Amino acid sequence: MLDLILILVKEPIGWTSGNYQQAFDTAKIYADKGQPWAQLRLSIFYANGGGGGKDTKVALDWHQKASVQTALGDWANGQIVGATGQTGCFNQNSDALLARFNLAQLYFGVLQ
């Protein structure tokens, strides 16, 4: 239950309040545990220099991890009402798609 509270309260507060170090620290914990939403956020932090400092190679590694984190089912595609199928993170497939887009930008030098 504590994990759910951190995901729903602590990390978004860090993003919206401008406390990027708090958001970075929370994302790092869950990214290390394999959570795709956290892997995407951590990759963005490293790509842009927030929280832990800019590191394009580390950003690339986290983008790659997040880009393959897809799931089946409506929940993973962002549908709340009547969602069926395999359990995954909400909007997980959108996060994977964003990670792929960011990977392409890194490869082509857009984010450097």
N, C-alpha and C. Protein backbone atom coordinates (compact mmCIF):
# COMPACT_ATOMS: atom_id res chain seq x y z
N MET A 1 0.82 -1.19 0.00
CA MET A 1 0.00 0.00 0.00
C MET A 1 0.87 1.26 0.00
N LEU A 2 1.98 1.22 0.73
CA LEU A 2 2.87 2.37 0.78
C LEU A 2 3.41 2.69 -0.62
N ASP A 3 3.73 1.65 -1.40
CA ASP A 3 4.20 1.88 -2.77
C ASP A 3 3.17 2.65 -3.58
N LEU A 4 1.92 2.28 -3.45
CA LEU A 4 0.86 2.97 -4.18
C LEU A 4 0.75 4.43 -3.76
N ILE A 5 0.89 4.69 -2.48
CA ILE A 5 0.84 6.08 -1.99
C ILE A 5 1.99 6.89 -2.57
N LEU A 6 3.18 6.32 -2.59
CA LEU A 6 4.33 7.04 -3.16
C LEU A 6 4.13 7.33 -4.64
N ILE A 7 3.61 6.34 -5.37
CA ILE A 7 3.41 6.53 -6.80
C ILE A 7 2.37 7.61 -7.06
N LEU A 8 1.25 7.56 -6.33
CA LEU A 8 0.15 8.47 -6.60
C LEU A 8 0.33 9.86 -6.00
N VAL A 9 1.13 9.97 -4.94
CA VAL A 9 1.23 11.25 -4.25
C VAL A 9 2.62 11.85 -4.35
N LYS A 10 3.62 11.16 -3.88
CA LYS A 10 4.94 11.76 -3.74
C LYS A 10 5.57 12.14 -5.08
N GLU A 11 5.62 11.23 -6.02
CA GLU A 11 6.29 11.51 -7.28
C GLU A 11 5.59 12.60 -8.08
N PRO A 12 4.26 12.55 -8.25
CA PRO A 12 3.61 13.65 -8.99
C PRO A 12 3.76 15.00 -8.30
N ILE A 13 3.78 15.02 -6.97
CA ILE A 13 3.98 16.29 -6.27
C ILE A 13 5.34 16.87 -6.62
N GLY A 14 6.34 16.02 -6.70
CA GLY A 14 7.67 16.49 -7.08
C GLY A 14 7.68 17.11 -8.46
N TRP A 15 6.97 16.49 -9.41
CA TRP A 15 6.90 17.04 -10.77
C TRP A 15 6.18 18.37 -10.78
N THR A 16 5.02 18.43 -10.14
CA THR A 16 4.18 19.62 -10.25
C THR A 16 4.63 20.77 -9.36
N SER A 17 5.33 20.46 -8.28
CA SER A 17 5.76 21.52 -7.37
C SER A 17 7.12 22.09 -7.76
N GLY A 18 7.79 21.42 -8.69
CA GLY A 18 9.13 21.85 -9.05
C GLY A 18 10.21 21.24 -8.18
N ASN A 19 9.84 20.33 -7.28
CA ASN A 19 10.82 19.64 -6.45
C ASN A 19 11.34 18.45 -7.25
N TYR A 20 12.18 18.74 -8.21
CA TYR A 20 12.64 17.72 -9.13
C TYR A 20 13.54 16.69 -8.47
N GLN A 21 14.24 17.09 -7.43
CA GLN A 21 15.09 16.11 -6.74
C GLN A 21 14.22 15.04 -6.09
N GLN A 22 13.12 15.44 -5.48
CA GLN A 22 12.20 14.47 -4.87
C GLN A 22 11.61 13.56 -5.94
N ALA A 23 11.20 14.12 -7.05
CA ALA A 23 10.64 13.32 -8.14
C ALA A 23 11.69 12.38 -8.72
N PHE A 24 12.93 12.88 -8.88
CA PHE A 24 14.03 12.06 -9.38
C PHE A 24 14.27 10.89 -8.44
N ASP A 25 14.38 11.17 -7.14
CA ASP A 25 14.67 10.12 -6.16
C ASP A 25 13.59 9.04 -6.17
N THR A 26 12.33 9.45 -6.24
CA THR A 26 11.22 8.50 -6.27
C THR A 26 11.25 7.69 -7.56
N ALA A 27 11.45 8.36 -8.69
CA ALA A 27 11.51 7.65 -9.97
C ALA A 27 12.67 6.65 -9.99
N LYS A 28 13.79 7.02 -9.41
CA LYS A 28 14.97 6.13 -9.40
C LYS A 28 14.67 4.84 -8.65
N ILE A 29 14.01 4.96 -7.50
CA ILE A 29 13.67 3.78 -6.70
C ILE A 29 12.83 2.80 -7.53
N TYR A 30 11.80 3.32 -8.19
CA TYR A 30 10.88 2.45 -8.92
C TYR A 30 11.42 2.02 -10.27
N ALA A 31 12.26 2.83 -10.88
CA ALA A 31 12.90 2.43 -12.14
C ALA A 31 13.82 1.24 -11.89
N ASP A 32 14.55 1.28 -10.79
CA ASP A 32 15.43 0.17 -10.43
C ASP A 32 14.63 -1.11 -10.17
N LYS A 33 13.37 -0.96 -9.78
CA LYS A 33 12.49 -2.12 -9.55
C LYS A 33 11.81 -2.59 -10.83
N GLY A 34 12.05 -1.89 -11.95
CA GLY A 34 11.50 -2.30 -13.23
C GLY A 34 10.17 -1.67 -13.61
N GLN A 35 9.73 -0.64 -12.88
CA GLN A 35 8.47 0.01 -13.19
C GLN A 35 8.61 0.89 -14.44
N PRO A 36 7.83 0.62 -15.49
CA PRO A 36 8.01 1.35 -16.75
C PRO A 36 7.75 2.85 -16.65
N TRP A 37 6.76 3.27 -15.87
CA TRP A 37 6.48 4.70 -15.73
C TRP A 37 7.68 5.42 -15.14
N ALA A 38 8.36 4.76 -14.19
CA ALA A 38 9.52 5.37 -13.54
C ALA A 38 10.73 5.36 -14.47
N GLN A 39 10.88 4.31 -15.27
CA GLN A 39 11.99 4.25 -16.21
C GLN A 39 11.90 5.39 -17.23
N LEU A 40 10.69 5.65 -17.71
CA LEU A 40 10.51 6.76 -18.66
C LEU A 40 10.85 8.09 -18.00
N ARG A 41 10.34 8.34 -16.81
CA ARG A 41 10.60 9.61 -16.14
C ARG A 41 12.08 9.78 -15.83
N LEU A 42 12.73 8.71 -15.39
CA LEU A 42 14.16 8.79 -15.09
C LEU A 42 14.96 9.07 -16.36
N SER A 43 14.57 8.47 -17.47
CA SER A 43 15.28 8.73 -18.73
C SER A 43 15.15 10.20 -19.12
N ILE A 44 13.99 10.78 -18.87
CA ILE A 44 13.78 12.20 -19.19
C ILE A 44 14.63 13.08 -18.27
N PHE A 45 14.71 12.71 -16.99
CA PHE A 45 15.58 13.47 -16.08
C PHE A 45 17.01 13.48 -16.59
N TYR A 46 17.54 12.30 -16.93
CA TYR A 46 18.93 12.23 -17.38
C TYR A 46 19.14 12.93 -18.72
N ALA A 47 18.16 12.88 -19.59
CA ALA A 47 18.28 13.54 -20.89
C ALA A 47 18.31 15.05 -20.75
N ASN A 48 17.60 15.57 -19.75
CA ASN A 48 17.47 17.02 -19.59
C ASN A 48 18.28 17.60 -18.44
N GLY A 49 18.92 16.77 -17.66
CA GLY A 49 19.77 17.26 -16.58
C GLY A 49 19.06 17.53 -15.27
N GLY A 50 17.86 17.02 -15.09
CA GLY A 50 17.15 17.24 -13.84
C GLY A 50 17.48 16.19 -12.80
N GLY A 51 17.51 16.58 -11.55
CA GLY A 51 17.73 15.63 -10.46
C GLY A 51 19.15 15.14 -10.35
N GLY A 52 19.55 14.24 -11.22
CA GLY A 52 20.87 13.63 -11.12
C GLY A 52 21.91 14.17 -12.07
N GLY A 53 21.58 15.22 -12.80
CA GLY A 53 22.53 15.79 -13.76
C GLY A 53 22.35 15.17 -15.14
N LYS A 54 22.74 15.90 -16.17
CA LYS A 54 22.56 15.44 -17.55
C LYS A 54 23.59 14.36 -17.87
N ASP A 55 23.08 13.25 -18.40
CA ASP A 55 23.94 12.14 -18.80
C ASP A 55 23.24 11.42 -19.95
N THR A 56 23.66 11.73 -21.17
CA THR A 56 22.99 11.20 -22.36
C THR A 56 23.08 9.69 -22.44
N LYS A 57 24.22 9.10 -22.06
CA LYS A 57 24.36 7.65 -22.13
C LYS A 57 23.42 6.96 -21.16
N VAL A 58 23.31 7.47 -19.95
CA VAL A 58 22.40 6.89 -18.97
C VAL A 58 20.95 7.09 -19.42
N ALA A 59 20.65 8.25 -19.99
CA ALA A 59 19.31 8.51 -20.53
C ALA A 59 18.98 7.48 -21.60
N LEU A 60 19.92 7.22 -22.47
CA LEU A 60 19.73 6.24 -23.54
C LEU A 60 19.41 4.86 -22.96
N ASP A 61 20.16 4.46 -21.94
CA ASP A 61 19.93 3.16 -21.31
C ASP A 61 18.52 3.06 -20.72
N TRP A 62 18.07 4.11 -20.02
CA TRP A 62 16.73 4.08 -19.42
C TRP A 62 15.65 4.18 -20.49
N HIS A 63 15.87 4.94 -21.55
CA HIS A 63 14.91 5.00 -22.65
C HIS A 63 14.74 3.61 -23.26
N GLN A 64 15.86 2.89 -23.44
CA GLN A 64 15.79 1.55 -24.02
C GLN A 64 14.99 0.60 -23.13
N LYS A 65 15.21 0.68 -21.83
CA LYS A 65 14.46 -0.18 -20.91
C LYS A 65 12.97 0.13 -20.96
N ALA A 66 12.63 1.41 -20.94
CA ALA A 66 11.22 1.81 -20.95
C ALA A 66 10.55 1.50 -22.29
N SER A 67 11.30 1.53 -23.37
CA SER A 67 10.71 1.36 -24.70
C SER A 67 10.18 -0.04 -24.95
N VAL A 68 10.65 -1.02 -24.21
CA VAL A 68 10.19 -2.41 -24.41
C VAL A 68 9.16 -2.83 -23.37
N GLN A 69 8.80 -1.94 -22.48
CA GLN A 69 7.85 -2.25 -21.41
C GLN A 69 6.41 -2.04 -21.90
N THR A 70 5.94 -2.97 -22.68
CA THR A 70 4.57 -2.90 -23.17
C THR A 70 3.74 -4.00 -22.51
N ALA A 71 2.44 -3.87 -22.60
CA ALA A 71 1.53 -4.86 -22.04
C ALA A 71 0.31 -4.96 -22.93
N LEU A 72 -0.43 -6.04 -22.75
CA LEU A 72 -1.67 -6.23 -23.48
C LEU A 72 -2.83 -5.74 -22.64
N GLY A 73 -3.88 -5.34 -23.27
CA GLY A 73 -5.08 -4.98 -22.53
C GLY A 73 -5.38 -3.50 -22.57
N ASP A 74 -6.65 -3.21 -22.31
CA ASP A 74 -7.13 -1.84 -22.39
C ASP A 74 -6.49 -0.92 -21.36
N TRP A 75 -6.24 -1.41 -20.16
CA TRP A 75 -5.65 -0.60 -19.10
C TRP A 75 -4.30 -0.04 -19.55
N ALA A 76 -3.50 -0.89 -20.18
CA ALA A 76 -2.17 -0.47 -20.65
C ALA A 76 -2.27 0.55 -21.78
N ASN A 77 -3.44 0.62 -22.42
CA ASN A 77 -3.66 1.57 -23.50
C ASN A 77 -4.40 2.81 -23.03
N GLY A 78 -4.57 2.97 -21.72
CA GLY A 78 -5.16 4.19 -21.18
C GLY A 78 -6.66 4.19 -21.03
N GLN A 79 -7.28 3.04 -21.13
CA GLN A 79 -8.74 2.97 -20.98
C GLN A 79 -9.09 2.56 -19.56
N ILE A 80 -9.83 3.40 -18.87
CA ILE A 80 -10.17 3.11 -17.48
C ILE A 80 -11.46 2.29 -17.39
N VAL A 81 -12.50 2.72 -18.03
CA VAL A 81 -13.80 2.06 -17.92
C VAL A 81 -13.82 0.81 -18.78
N GLY A 82 -14.16 -0.31 -18.17
CA GLY A 82 -14.29 -1.57 -18.89
C GLY A 82 -12.98 -2.16 -19.35
N ALA A 83 -11.88 -1.78 -18.74
CA ALA A 83 -10.58 -2.30 -19.15
C ALA A 83 -10.51 -3.81 -18.91
N THR A 84 -9.98 -4.52 -19.90
CA THR A 84 -9.80 -5.96 -19.79
C THR A 84 -8.40 -6.30 -20.28
N GLY A 85 -8.00 -7.54 -20.05
CA GLY A 85 -6.71 -8.00 -20.56
C GLY A 85 -5.67 -8.08 -19.47
N GLN A 86 -4.45 -8.31 -19.89
CA GLN A 86 -3.32 -8.47 -18.97
C GLN A 86 -3.10 -7.21 -18.17
N THR A 87 -2.79 -7.38 -16.90
CA THR A 87 -2.53 -6.24 -16.03
C THR A 87 -1.22 -5.58 -16.42
N GLY A 88 -1.23 -4.28 -16.43
CA GLY A 88 -0.02 -3.50 -16.68
C GLY A 88 -0.20 -2.13 -16.06
N CYS A 89 0.80 -1.28 -16.18
CA CYS A 89 0.68 0.08 -15.69
C CYS A 89 -0.27 0.85 -16.59
N PHE A 90 -1.02 1.77 -16.01
CA PHE A 90 -1.94 2.59 -16.79
C PHE A 90 -1.16 3.38 -17.83
N ASN A 91 -1.62 3.33 -19.06
CA ASN A 91 -0.98 4.01 -20.19
C ASN A 91 0.44 3.51 -20.45
N GLN A 92 0.73 2.30 -20.05
CA GLN A 92 2.07 1.74 -20.21
C GLN A 92 2.54 1.76 -21.66
N ASN A 93 1.66 1.48 -22.59
CA ASN A 93 2.06 1.45 -24.00
C ASN A 93 2.38 2.85 -24.52
N SER A 94 1.69 3.85 -24.01
CA SER A 94 2.03 5.23 -24.38
C SER A 94 3.40 5.61 -23.87
N ASP A 95 3.73 5.18 -22.65
CA ASP A 95 5.06 5.46 -22.10
C ASP A 95 6.14 4.80 -22.96
N ALA A 96 5.89 3.56 -23.38
CA ALA A 96 6.86 2.86 -24.23
C ALA A 96 7.03 3.59 -25.56
N LEU A 97 5.94 4.08 -26.10
CA LEU A 97 6.00 4.82 -27.36
C LEU A 97 6.78 6.13 -27.20
N LEU A 98 6.56 6.83 -26.09
CA LEU A 98 7.33 8.05 -25.82
C LEU A 98 8.82 7.74 -25.67
N ALA A 99 9.13 6.64 -25.01
CA ALA A 99 10.53 6.25 -24.86
C ALA A 99 11.17 5.96 -26.22
N ARG A 100 10.43 5.32 -27.11
CA ARG A 100 10.96 5.05 -28.46
C ARG A 100 11.19 6.35 -29.22
N PHE A 101 10.26 7.29 -29.08
CA PHE A 101 10.42 8.59 -29.73
C PHE A 101 11.67 9.30 -29.20
N ASN A 102 11.86 9.27 -27.88
CA ASN A 102 13.03 9.92 -27.29
C ASN A 102 14.32 9.22 -27.70
N LEU A 103 14.28 7.90 -27.85
CA LEU A 103 15.44 7.17 -28.34
C LEU A 103 15.83 7.65 -29.74
N ALA A 104 14.84 7.80 -30.60
CA ALA A 104 15.10 8.27 -31.96
C ALA A 104 15.73 9.66 -31.93
N GLN A 105 15.22 10.52 -31.06
CA GLN A 105 15.79 11.86 -30.95
C GLN A 105 17.24 11.82 -30.47
N LEU A 106 17.53 10.94 -29.52
CA LEU A 106 18.92 10.80 -29.05
C LEU A 106 19.82 10.29 -30.17
N TYR A 107 19.35 9.29 -30.90
CA TYR A 107 20.15 8.73 -31.99
C TYR A 107 20.46 9.76 -33.08
N PHE A 108 19.48 10.62 -33.34
CA PHE A 108 19.67 11.62 -34.39
C PHE A 108 20.21 12.95 -33.87
N GLY A 109 20.55 13.01 -32.59
CA GLY A 109 21.20 14.17 -32.04
C GLY A 109 20.30 15.31 -31.64
N VAL A 110 19.01 15.10 -31.64
CA VAL A 110 18.07 16.17 -31.32
C VAL A 110 18.15 16.54 -29.84
N LEU A 111 18.34 15.57 -28.96
CA LEU A 111 18.33 15.82 -27.51
C LEU A 111 19.71 16.07 -26.92
N GLN A 112 20.74 16.13 -27.72
CA GLN A 112 22.10 16.27 -27.17
C GLN A 112 22.47 17.67 -26.85
